[in-house]
Amino acid sequence: MNAVLQFGAGYRTYIIAAVLVLVVVVEKGLGIDVPGVDVGSDWLTHVLAALGLGTLRAGINGANK
């Protein structure tokens, strides 16, 4: 279990951002209802928030180097 947590240590934020985009694509693109998720008509803001989260993480990571 510890090996799995250490593998994803640098990529957790990117994985969450990708899952957010995937959920929006499944909800709006494929029309499949994902339980617990209500995207509504403002789906683009969800996608932009996920992309912004990934960009923010990349910026922080780049500033630390």
C-alpha atoms as a PDB file:
ATOM      1  CA  MET A   1       0.000   0.000   0.000  1.00  0.00           C
ATOM      2  CA  ASN A   2       2.844   2.358   0.820  1.00  0.00           C
ATOM      3  CA  ALA A   3       4.381   1.761  -2.616  1.00  0.00           C
ATOM      4  CA  VAL A   4       1.144   2.842  -4.285  1.00  0.00           C
ATOM      5  CA  LEU A   5       1.015   6.046  -2.241  1.00  0.00           C
ATOM      6  CA  GLN A   6       4.635   6.874  -3.029  1.00  0.00           C
ATOM      7  CA  PHE A   7       4.101   6.221  -6.741  1.00  0.00           C
ATOM      8  CA  GLY A   8       1.298   8.771  -6.918  1.00  0.00           C
ATOM      9  CA  ALA A   9       3.002  11.301  -4.648  1.00  0.00           C
ATOM     10  CA  GLY A  10       3.924  13.678  -7.462  1.00  0.00           C
ATOM     11  CA  TYR A  11       0.919  13.010  -9.658  1.00  0.00           C
ATOM     12  CA  ARG A  12      -2.090  13.110  -7.320  1.00  0.00           C
ATOM     13  CA  THR A  13      -3.224  16.576  -8.407  1.00  0.00           C
ATOM     14  CA  TYR A  14      -2.902  15.676 -12.079  1.00  0.00           C
ATOM     15  CA  ILE A  15      -4.882  12.482 -11.523  1.00  0.00           C
ATOM     16  CA  ILE A  16      -7.666  14.410  -9.790  1.00  0.00           C
ATOM     17  CA  ALA A  17      -7.755  16.983 -12.603  1.00  0.00           C
ATOM     18  CA  ALA A  18      -7.943  14.202 -15.206  1.00  0.00           C
ATOM     19  CA  VAL A  19     -10.753  12.480 -13.303  1.00  0.00           C
ATOM     20  CA  LEU A  20     -12.700  15.753 -13.156  1.00  0.00           C
ATOM     21  CA  VAL A  21     -12.388  16.198 -16.915  1.00  0.00           C
ATOM     22  CA  LEU A  22     -13.313  12.544 -17.461  1.00  0.00           C
ATOM     23  CA  VAL A  23     -16.455  12.885 -15.334  1.00  0.00           C
ATOM     24  CA  VAL A  24     -17.575  15.942 -17.302  1.00  0.00           C
ATOM     25  CA  VAL A  25     -16.948  14.135 -20.599  1.00  0.00           C
ATOM     26  CA  VAL A  26     -18.925  11.108 -19.431  1.00  0.00           C
ATOM     27  CA  GLU A  27     -21.789  13.253 -18.106  1.00  0.00           C
ATOM     28  CA  LYS A  28     -22.099  15.676 -21.007  1.00  0.00           C
ATOM     29  CA  GLY A  29     -20.400  13.948 -23.920  1.00  0.00           C
ATOM     30  CA  LEU A  30     -21.708  10.428 -23.497  1.00  0.00           C
ATOM     31  CA  GLY A  31     -24.873  11.285 -21.587  1.00  0.00           C
ATOM     32  CA  ILE A  32     -24.224   8.727 -18.857  1.00  0.00           C
ATOM     33  CA  ASP A  33     -25.373   9.744 -15.378  1.00  0.00           C
ATOM     34  CA  VAL A  34     -22.564   9.601 -12.820  1.00  0.00           C
ATOM     35  CA  PRO A  35     -24.016   9.176  -9.321  1.00  0.00           C
ATOM     36  CA  GLY A  36     -23.263  12.089  -7.010  1.00  0.00           C
ATOM     37  CA  VAL A  37     -22.270  14.470  -9.805  1.00  0.00           C
ATOM     38  CA  ASP A  38     -24.464  17.251 -11.161  1.00  0.00           C
ATOM     39  CA  VAL A  39     -22.575  19.112 -13.877  1.00  0.00           C
ATOM     40  CA  GLY A  40     -25.487  21.199 -15.135  1.00  0.00           C
ATOM     41  CA  SER A  41     -25.243  23.599 -18.026  1.00  0.00           C
ATOM     42  CA  ASP A  42     -21.955  25.168 -16.885  1.00  0.00           C
ATOM     43  CA  TRP A  43     -19.831  22.159 -17.841  1.00  0.00           C
ATOM     44  CA  LEU A  44     -17.133  24.308 -19.393  1.00  0.00           C
ATOM     45  CA  THR A  45     -16.323  25.937 -16.054  1.00  0.00           C
ATOM     46  CA  HIS A  46     -15.752  22.485 -14.564  1.00  0.00           C
ATOM     47  CA  VAL A  47     -13.337  21.604 -17.361  1.00  0.00           C
ATOM     48  CA  LEU A  48     -11.515  24.932 -17.048  1.00  0.00           C
ATOM     49  CA  ALA A  49     -11.270  24.525 -13.265  1.00  0.00           C
ATOM     50  CA  ALA A  50      -9.710  21.086 -13.688  1.00  0.00           C
ATOM     51  CA  LEU A  51      -7.244  22.378 -16.273  1.00  0.00           C
ATOM     52  CA  GLY A  52      -6.455  25.343 -14.047  1.00  0.00           C
ATOM     53  CA  LEU A  53      -5.789  23.010 -11.138  1.00  0.00           C
ATOM     54  CA  GLY A  54      -3.301  21.050 -13.229  1.00  0.00           C
ATOM     55  CA  THR A  55      -1.657  24.242 -14.478  1.00  0.00           C
ATOM     56  CA  LEU A  56      -1.374  25.634 -10.958  1.00  0.00           C
ATOM     57  CA  ARG A  57       0.289  22.436  -9.758  1.00  0.00           C
ATOM     58  CA  ALA A  58       2.729  22.513 -12.679  1.00  0.00           C
ATOM     59  CA  GLY A  59       3.559  26.152 -11.914  1.00  0.00           C
ATOM     60  CA  ILE A  60       4.223  25.429  -8.261  1.00  0.00           C
ATOM     61  CA  ASN A  61       6.339  22.432  -9.176  1.00  0.00           C
ATOM     62  CA  GLY A  62       8.322  24.508 -11.685  1.00  0.00           C
ATOM     63  CA  ALA A  63       8.894  27.319  -9.200  1.00  0.00           C
ATOM     64  CA  ASN A  64      10.373  24.931  -6.647  1.00  0.00           C
ATOM     65  CA  LYS A  65      13.093  23.721  -9.021  1.00  0.00           C
END
